[in-house]
Structure formats: C-alpha cells, structure tokens
C-alpha cells in the first residue's frame, strides 16, 4: 500500500518570510495569505499536483506532514526541532 503526501504544515515565528523562501526555493507559483480572528497571518503555498505548504505563526517550531494511503485514510506525523 502506498501513501501520498497531502500537505505540510510548518509552525514558525515569521510565516511570511519562511513561506517566501520556500516558494522561491521550490518554485510554487503563488502564496495565499489570510488573517485569523486574533490578527495572526497565515500563508499557504499551492500548486497543481503538489502538496500544500501551510506556514502558521507560533513561537515554537514544528513540522507536520499529512499523508493519505490508497484507501483514503489520513494520518499526521509531527516533527519537533
């Protein structure tokens, strides 16, 4: 059974700067930004047939990968620095 990467979420201090770095490094065509009710800005990189990359502003850094297997079951894996 194979799995596919759906999305990567990165917790970081400066979502805008880190998202722009990875957008240029990986060649993602666009970045979408939005603010939540607390005024925090989130940035998501999207491209056809590629996993979404979401950068969210938090003080501690973590990285999450969301994968789905061939049955559609989804799992999340967390990496801490």
PDB file of N, CA and C in Angstrom:
ATOM      1  N   UNK A   1       0.850  -1.165   0.000  1.00  0.00           N
ATOM      2  CA  UNK A   1       0.000   0.000   0.000  1.00  0.00           C
ATOM      3  C   UNK A   1       0.901   1.235   0.000  1.00  0.00           C
ATOM      4  N   UNK A   2       0.670   2.128  -0.937  1.00  0.00           N
ATOM      5  CA  UNK A   2       1.470   3.350  -0.989  1.00  0.00           C
ATOM      6  C   UNK A   2       0.697   4.511  -0.384  1.00  0.00           C
ATOM      7  N   UNK A   3       1.437   5.523   0.001  1.00  0.00           N
ATOM      8  CA  UNK A   3       0.843   6.728   0.581  1.00  0.00           C
ATOM      9  C   UNK A   3       1.261   7.926  -0.248  1.00  0.00           C
ATOM     10  N   UNK A   4       0.499   9.003  -0.113  1.00  0.00           N
ATOM     11  CA  UNK A   4       0.881  10.234  -0.796  1.00  0.00           C
ATOM     12  C   UNK A   4       0.817  11.385   0.191  1.00  0.00           C
ATOM     13  N   UNK A   5       1.719  12.306   0.012  1.00  0.00           N
ATOM     14  CA  UNK A   5       1.791  13.489   0.855  1.00  0.00           C
ATOM     15  C   UNK A   5       0.715  14.470   0.413  1.00  0.00           C
ATOM     16  N   UNK A   6      -0.143  14.889   1.342  1.00  0.00           N
ATOM     17  CA  UNK A   6      -1.225  15.822   1.037  1.00  0.00           C
ATOM     18  C   UNK A   6      -0.814  17.251   1.351  1.00  0.00           C
ATOM     19  N   UNK A   7      -0.238  17.443   2.543  1.00  0.00           N
ATOM     20  CA  UNK A   7       0.113  18.790   2.985  1.00  0.00           C
ATOM     21  C   UNK A   7       1.219  18.733   4.021  1.00  0.00           C
ATOM     22  N   UNK A   8       1.938  19.838   4.112  1.00  0.00           N
ATOM     23  CA  UNK A   8       2.939  20.027   5.157  1.00  0.00           C
ATOM     24  C   UNK A   8       2.587  21.324   5.865  1.00  0.00           C
ATOM     25  N   UNK A   9       2.510  21.274   7.190  1.00  0.00           N
ATOM     26  CA  UNK A   9       2.242  22.463   7.994  1.00  0.00           C
ATOM     27  C   UNK A   9       3.487  22.770   8.804  1.00  0.00           C
ATOM     28  N   UNK A  10       3.916  24.027   8.738  1.00  0.00           N
ATOM     29  CA  UNK A  10       5.121  24.451   9.444  1.00  0.00           C
ATOM     30  C   UNK A  10       4.743  25.514  10.460  1.00  0.00           C
ATOM     31  N   UNK A  11       5.010  25.246  11.728  1.00  0.00           N
ATOM     32  CA  UNK A  11       4.859  26.245  12.785  1.00  0.00           C
ATOM     33  C   UNK A  11       6.160  27.037  12.835  1.00  0.00           C
ATOM     34  N   UNK A  12       6.070  28.361  12.760  1.00  0.00           N
ATOM     35  CA  UNK A  12       7.286  29.171  12.721  1.00  0.00           C
ATOM     36  C   UNK A  12       7.011  30.579  13.248  1.00  0.00           C
ATOM     37  N   UNK A  13       8.054  31.309  13.536  1.00  0.00           N
ATOM     38  CA  UNK A  13       7.893  32.667  14.075  1.00  0.00           C
ATOM     39  C   UNK A  13       7.504  33.673  13.007  1.00  0.00           C
ATOM     40  N   UNK A  14       8.049  33.547  11.792  1.00  0.00           N
ATOM     41  CA  UNK A  14       7.767  34.507  10.719  1.00  0.00           C
ATOM     42  C   UNK A  14       7.234  33.750   9.504  1.00  0.00           C
ATOM     43  N   UNK A  15       5.923  33.551   9.486  1.00  0.00           N
ATOM     44  CA  UNK A  15       5.293  32.749   8.429  1.00  0.00           C
ATOM     45  C   UNK A  15       5.525  33.347   7.046  1.00  0.00           C
ATOM     46  N   UNK A  16       5.442  34.662   6.931  1.00  0.00           N
ATOM     47  CA  UNK A  16       5.617  35.309   5.631  1.00  0.00           C
ATOM     48  C   UNK A  16       6.999  35.109   5.052  1.00  0.00           C
ATOM     49  N   UNK A  17       8.019  35.323   5.857  1.00  0.00           N
ATOM     50  CA  UNK A  17       9.398  35.194   5.377  1.00  0.00           C
ATOM     51  C   UNK A  17       9.735  33.747   5.029  1.00  0.00           C
ATOM     52  N   UNK A  18       9.341  32.822   5.878  1.00  0.00           N
ATOM     53  CA  UNK A  18       9.652  31.417   5.621  1.00  0.00           C
ATOM     54  C   UNK A  18       8.884  30.900   4.404  1.00  0.00           C
ATOM     55  N   UNK A  19       7.638  31.300   4.269  1.00  0.00           N
ATOM     56  CA  UNK A  19       6.845  30.886   3.105  1.00  0.00           C
ATOM     57  C   UNK A  19       7.454  31.421   1.816  1.00  0.00           C
ATOM     58  N   UNK A  20       7.899  32.659   1.827  1.00  0.00           N
ATOM     59  CA  UNK A  20       8.501  33.243   0.625  1.00  0.00           C
ATOM     60  C   UNK A  20       9.796  32.518   0.259  1.00  0.00           C
ATOM     61  N   UNK A  21      10.598  32.179   1.262  1.00  0.00           N
ATOM     62  CA  UNK A  21      11.822  31.417   0.993  1.00  0.00           C
ATOM     63  C   UNK A  21      11.489  30.101   0.292  1.00  0.00           C
ATOM     64  N   UNK A  22      10.543  29.334   0.854  1.00  0.00           N
ATOM     65  CA  UNK A  22      10.202  28.035   0.280  1.00  0.00           C
ATOM     66  C   UNK A  22       9.456  28.165  -1.040  1.00  0.00           C
ATOM     67  N   UNK A  23       8.689  29.224  -1.226  1.00  0.00           N
ATOM     68  CA  UNK A  23       8.014  29.444  -2.511  1.00  0.00           C
ATOM     69  C   UNK A  23       9.048  29.580  -3.620  1.00  0.00           C
ATOM     70  N   UNK A  24      10.063  30.394  -3.373  1.00  0.00           N
ATOM     71  CA  UNK A  24      11.113  30.579  -4.381  1.00  0.00           C
ATOM     72  C   UNK A  24      11.966  29.321  -4.543  1.00  0.00           C
ATOM     73  N   UNK A  25      12.334  28.688  -3.434  1.00  0.00           N
ATOM     74  CA  UNK A  25      13.206  27.511  -3.496  1.00  0.00           C
ATOM     75  C   UNK A  25      12.552  26.340  -4.228  1.00  0.00           C
ATOM     76  N   UNK A  26      11.244  26.148  -4.024  1.00  0.00           N
ATOM     77  CA  UNK A  26      10.540  25.003  -4.606  1.00  0.00           C
ATOM     78  C   UNK A  26       9.739  25.348  -5.853  1.00  0.00           C
ATOM     79  N   UNK A  27       9.690  26.626  -6.206  1.00  0.00           N
ATOM     80  CA  UNK A  27       9.004  27.032  -7.428  1.00  0.00           C
ATOM     81  C   UNK A  27       7.489  27.005  -7.357  1.00  0.00           C
ATOM     82  N   UNK A  28       6.928  27.219  -6.179  1.00  0.00           N
ATOM     83  CA  UNK A  28       5.468  27.309  -6.080  1.00  0.00           C
ATOM     84  C   UNK A  28       5.026  28.627  -6.712  1.00  0.00           C
ATOM     85  N   UNK A  29       3.958  28.610  -7.509  1.00  0.00           N
ATOM     86  CA  UNK A  29       3.577  29.808  -8.250  1.00  0.00           C
ATOM     87  C   UNK A  29       2.910  30.904  -7.428  1.00  0.00           C
ATOM     88  N   UNK A  30       2.268  30.554  -6.327  1.00  0.00           N
ATOM     89  CA  UNK A  30       1.539  31.593  -5.596  1.00  0.00           C
ATOM     90  C   UNK A  30       1.477  31.291  -4.105  1.00  0.00           C
ATOM     91  N   UNK A  31       1.259  32.350  -3.357  1.00  0.00           N
ATOM     92  CA  UNK A  31       1.080  32.239  -1.908  1.00  0.00           C
ATOM     93  C   UNK A  31      -0.224  32.931  -1.549  1.00  0.00           C
ATOM     94  N   UNK A  32      -1.046  32.257  -0.778  1.00  0.00           N
ATOM     95  CA  UNK A  32      -2.295  32.853  -0.294  1.00  0.00           C
ATOM     96  C   UNK A  32      -2.108  33.214   1.171  1.00  0.00           C
ATOM     97  N   UNK A  33      -2.527  34.413   1.536  1.00  0.00           N
ATOM     98  CA  UNK A  33      -2.398  34.889   2.918  1.00  0.00           C
ATOM     99  C   UNK A  33      -3.775  35.192   3.475  1.00  0.00           C
ATOM    100  N   UNK A  34      -3.946  34.949   4.764  1.00  0.00           N
ATOM    101  CA  UNK A  34      -5.174  35.348   5.439  1.00  0.00           C
ATOM    102  C   UNK A  34      -4.893  35.559   6.911  1.00  0.00           C
ATOM    103  N   UNK A  35      -5.785  36.289   7.559  1.00  0.00           N
ATOM    104  CA  UNK A  35      -5.665  36.564   8.995  1.00  0.00           C
ATOM    105  C   UNK A  35      -6.789  35.874   9.742  1.00  0.00           C
ATOM    106  N   UNK A  36      -6.457  35.397  10.945  1.00  0.00           N
ATOM    107  CA  UNK A  36      -7.494  34.809  11.781  1.00  0.00           C
ATOM    108  C   UNK A  36      -8.097  35.888  12.681  1.00  0.00           C
ATOM    109  N   UNK A  37      -9.001  35.492  13.546  1.00  0.00           N
ATOM    110  CA  UNK A  37      -9.705  36.454  14.404  1.00  0.00           C
ATOM    111  C   UNK A  37      -8.783  37.108  15.434  1.00  0.00           C
ATOM    112  N   UNK A  38      -7.583  36.567  15.621  1.00  0.00           N
ATOM    113  CA  UNK A  38      -6.611  37.136  16.561  1.00  0.00           C
ATOM    114  C   UNK A  38      -5.599  38.039  15.859  1.00  0.00           C
ATOM    115  N   UNK A  39      -5.746  38.194  14.548  1.00  0.00           N
ATOM    116  CA  UNK A  39      -4.839  39.045  13.787  1.00  0.00           C
ATOM    117  C   UNK A  39      -3.568  38.366  13.318  1.00  0.00           C
ATOM    118  N   UNK A  40      -3.466  37.041  13.477  1.00  0.00           N
ATOM    119  CA  UNK A  40      -2.283  36.311  13.021  1.00  0.00           C
ATOM    120  C   UNK A  40      -2.396  36.025  11.526  1.00  0.00           C
ATOM    121  N   UNK A  41      -1.298  36.202  10.799  1.00  0.00           N
ATOM    122  CA  UNK A  41      -1.290  35.980   9.357  1.00  0.00           C
ATOM    123  C   UNK A  41      -0.742  34.597   9.032  1.00  0.00           C
ATOM    124  N   UNK A  42      -1.485  33.853   8.252  1.00  0.00           N
ATOM    125  CA  UNK A  42      -1.112  32.518   7.789  1.00  0.00           C
ATOM    126  C   UNK A  42      -0.799  32.608   6.298  1.00  0.00           C
ATOM    127  N   UNK A  43       0.107  31.758   5.834  1.00  0.00           N
ATOM    128  CA  UNK A  43       0.469  31.746   4.421  1.00  0.00           C
ATOM    129  C   UNK A  43       0.415  30.302   3.931  1.00  0.00           C
ATOM    130  N   UNK A  44      -0.259  30.097   2.792  1.00  0.00           N
ATOM    131  CA  UNK A  44      -0.336  28.756   2.203  1.00  0.00           C
ATOM    132  C   UNK A  44       0.183  28.804   0.777  1.00  0.00           C
ATOM    133  N   UNK A  45       1.062  27.858   0.457  1.00  0.00           N
ATOM    134  CA  UNK A  45       1.577  27.708  -0.900  1.00  0.00           C
ATOM    135  C   UNK A  45       0.820  26.569  -1.563  1.00  0.00           C
ATOM    136  N   UNK A  46       0.342  26.833  -2.774  1.00  0.00           N
ATOM    137  CA  UNK A  46      -0.414  25.817  -3.510  1.00  0.00           C
ATOM    138  C   UNK A  46       0.101  25.722  -4.937  1.00  0.00           C
ATOM    139  N   UNK A  47       0.059  24.514  -5.473  1.00  0.00           N
ATOM    140  CA  UNK A  47       0.413  24.267  -6.864  1.00  0.00           C
ATOM    141  C   UNK A  47      -0.286  22.983  -7.290  1.00  0.00           C
ATOM    142  N   UNK A  48      -0.688  22.891  -8.560  1.00  0.00           N
ATOM    143  CA  UNK A  48      -1.349  21.674  -9.033  1.00  0.00           C
ATOM    144  C   UNK A  48      -0.466  20.440  -8.839  1.00  0.00           C
ATOM    145  N   UNK A  49      -1.075  19.367  -8.381  1.00  0.00           N
ATOM    146  CA  UNK A  49      -0.406  18.071  -8.216  1.00  0.00           C
ATOM    147  C   UNK A  49       0.789  18.101  -7.265  1.00  0.00           C
ATOM    148  N   UNK A  50       0.789  19.054  -6.339  1.00  0.00           N
ATOM    149  CA  UNK A  50       1.842  19.136  -5.323  1.00  0.00           C
ATOM    150  C   UNK A  50       1.178  19.313  -3.968  1.00  0.00           C
ATOM    151  N   UNK A  51       1.836  18.896  -2.898  1.00  0.00           N
ATOM    152  CA  UNK A  51       1.237  19.095  -1.572  1.00  0.00           C
ATOM    153  C   UNK A  51       1.169  20.577  -1.216  1.00  0.00           C
ATOM    154  N   UNK A  52       0.147  20.949  -0.462  1.00  0.00           N
ATOM    155  CA  UNK A  52       0.050  22.314   0.054  1.00  0.00           C
ATOM    156  C   UNK A  52       1.073  22.489   1.162  1.00  0.00           C
ATOM    157  N   UNK A  53       1.627  23.685   1.255  1.00  0.00           N
ATOM    158  CA  UNK A  53       2.542  24.030   2.340  1.00  0.00           C
ATOM    159  C   UNK A  53       1.906  25.171   3.115  1.00  0.00           C
ATOM    160  N   UNK A  54       1.608  24.946   4.385  1.00  0.00           N
ATOM    161  CA  UNK A  54       0.977  25.961   5.227  1.00  0.00           C
ATOM    162  C   UNK A  54       1.967  26.407   6.286  1.00  0.00           C
ATOM    163  N   UNK A  55       2.146  27.708   6.400  1.00  0.00           N
ATOM    164  CA  UNK A  55       3.032  28.301   7.398  1.00  0.00           C
ATOM    165  C   UNK A  55       2.171  29.075   8.377  1.00  0.00           C
ATOM    166  N   UNK A  56       2.268  28.698   9.658  1.00  0.00           N
ATOM    167  CA  UNK A  56       1.450  29.358  10.668  1.00  0.00           C
ATOM    168  C   UNK A  56       2.343  29.920  11.772  1.00  0.00           C
ATOM    169  N   UNK A  57       2.027  31.145  12.223  1.00  0.00           N
ATOM    170  CA  UNK A  57       2.878  31.816  13.200  1.00  0.00           C
ATOM    171  C   UNK A  57       2.646  31.322  14.622  1.00  0.00           C
ATOM    172  N   UNK A  58       3.651  30.685  15.171  1.00  0.00           N
ATOM    173  CA  UNK A  58       3.648  30.259  16.574  1.00  0.00           C
ATOM    174  C   UNK A  58       5.079  30.375  17.096  1.00  0.00           C
ATOM    175  N   UNK A  59       5.264  30.529  18.411  1.00  0.00           N
ATOM    176  CA  UNK A  59       6.614  30.714  18.944  1.00  0.00           C
ATOM    177  C   UNK A  59       7.519  29.483  18.823  1.00  0.00           C
ATOM    178  N   UNK A  60       6.960  28.282  18.960  1.00  0.00           N
ATOM    179  CA  UNK A  60       7.794  27.082  18.891  1.00  0.00           C
ATOM    180  C   UNK A  60       7.678  26.466  17.500  1.00  0.00           C
ATOM    181  N   UNK A  61       8.798  25.977  16.989  1.00  0.00           N
ATOM    182  CA  UNK A  61       8.803  25.413  15.644  1.00  0.00           C
ATOM    183  C   UNK A  61       8.456  23.940  15.632  1.00  0.00           C
ATOM    184  N   UNK A  62       7.579  23.567  14.714  1.00  0.00           N
ATOM    185  CA  UNK A  62       7.225  22.160  14.478  1.00  0.00           C
ATOM    186  C   UNK A  62       6.895  22.015  12.997  1.00  0.00           C
ATOM    187  N   UNK A  63       6.916  20.784  12.544  1.00  0.00           N
ATOM    188  CA  UNK A  63       6.534  20.495  11.171  1.00  0.00           C
ATOM    189  C   UNK A  63       5.621  19.276  11.187  1.00  0.00           C
ATOM    190  N   UNK A  64       4.517  19.357  10.463  1.00  0.00           N
ATOM    191  CA  UNK A  64       3.541  18.265  10.396  1.00  0.00           C
ATOM    192  C   UNK A  64       3.392  17.844   8.941  1.00  0.00           C
ATOM    193  N   UNK A  65       3.383  16.543   8.693  1.00  0.00           N
ATOM    194  CA  UNK A  65       3.086  16.034   7.358  1.00  0.00           C
ATOM    195  C   UNK A  65       1.773  15.282   7.411  1.00  0.00           C
ATOM    196  N   UNK A  66       0.881  15.604   6.511  1.00  0.00           N
ATOM    197  CA  UNK A  66      -0.382  14.887   6.380  1.00  0.00           C
ATOM    198  C   UNK A  66      -0.279  13.989   5.159  1.00  0.00           C
ATOM    199  N   UNK A  67      -0.504  12.695   5.353  1.00  0.00           N
ATOM    200  CA  UNK A  67      -0.432  11.733   4.258  1.00  0.00           C
ATOM    201  C   UNK A  67      -1.736  10.945   4.184  1.00  0.00           C
ATOM    202  N   UNK A  68      -2.028  10.427   3.002  1.00  0.00           N
ATOM    203  CA  UNK A  68      -3.202   9.576   2.809  1.00  0.00           C
ATOM    204  C   UNK A  68      -2.741   8.298   2.120  1.00  0.00           C
ATOM    205  N   UNK A  69      -3.296   7.164   2.550  1.00  0.00           N
ATOM    206  CA  UNK A  69      -2.957   5.918   1.878  1.00  0.00           C
ATOM    207  C   UNK A  69      -3.954   5.675   0.749  1.00  0.00           C
ATOM    208  N   UNK A  70      -3.806   4.560   0.068  1.00  0.00           N
ATOM    209  CA  UNK A  70      -4.643   4.287  -1.103  1.00  0.00           C
ATOM    210  C   UNK A  70      -6.115   4.104  -0.756  1.00  0.00           C
ATOM    211  N   UNK A  71      -6.440   3.868   0.521  1.00  0.00           N
ATOM    212  CA  UNK A  71      -7.844   3.738   0.921  1.00  0.00           C
ATOM    213  C   UNK A  71      -8.459   5.086   1.283  1.00  0.00           C
ATOM    214  N   UNK A  72      -7.625   6.145   1.320  1.00  0.00           N
ATOM    215  CA  UNK A  72      -8.128   7.469   1.684  1.00  0.00           C
ATOM    216  C   UNK A  72      -7.964   7.791   3.158  1.00  0.00           C
ATOM    217  N   UNK A  73      -7.469   6.827   3.936  1.00  0.00           N
ATOM    218  CA  UNK A  73      -7.236   7.065   5.354  1.00  0.00           C
ATOM    219  C   UNK A  73      -6.092   8.064   5.512  1.00  0.00           C
ATOM    220  N   UNK A  74      -6.300   9.064   6.367  1.00  0.00           N
ATOM    221  CA  UNK A  74      -5.285  10.102   6.539  1.00  0.00           C
ATOM    222  C   UNK A  74      -4.597   9.980   7.887  1.00  0.00           C
ATOM    223  N   UNK A  75      -3.319  10.351   7.908  1.00  0.00           N
ATOM    224  CA  UNK A  75      -2.524  10.340   9.137  1.00  0.00           C
ATOM    225  C   UNK A  75      -1.686  11.607   9.185  1.00  0.00           C
ATOM    226  N   UNK A  76      -1.321  11.994  10.405  1.00  0.00           N
ATOM    227  CA  UNK A  76      -0.466  13.157  10.598  1.00  0.00           C
ATOM    228  C   UNK A  76       0.770  12.735  11.370  1.00  0.00           C
ATOM    229  N   UNK A  77       1.906  13.219  10.905  1.00  0.00           N
ATOM    230  CA  UNK A  77       3.176  12.959  11.576  1.00  0.00           C
ATOM    231  C   UNK A  77       3.754  14.300  12.000  1.00  0.00           C
ATOM    232  N   UNK A  78       4.275  14.370  13.211  1.00  0.00           N
ATOM    233  CA  UNK A  78       4.811  15.614  13.748  1.00  0.00           C
ATOM    234  C   UNK A  78       6.309  15.492  13.982  1.00  0.00           C
ATOM    235  N   UNK A  79       7.041  16.518  13.562  1.00  0.00           N
ATOM    236  CA  UNK A  79       8.478  16.613  13.831  1.00  0.00           C
ATOM    237  C   UNK A  79       8.708  17.810  14.721  1.00  0.00           C
ATOM    238  N   UNK A  80       9.503  17.627  15.743  1.00  0.00           N
ATOM    239  CA  UNK A  80       9.851  18.737  16.618  1.00  0.00           C
ATOM    240  C   UNK A  80      11.347  18.985  16.483  1.00  0.00           C
ATOM    241  N   UNK A  81      11.775  20.239  16.637  1.00  0.00           N
ATOM    242  CA  UNK A  81      13.214  20.527  16.491  1.00  0.00           C
ATOM    243  C   UNK A  81      14.036  19.872  17.579  1.00  0.00           C
TER     244      UNK A  81
END
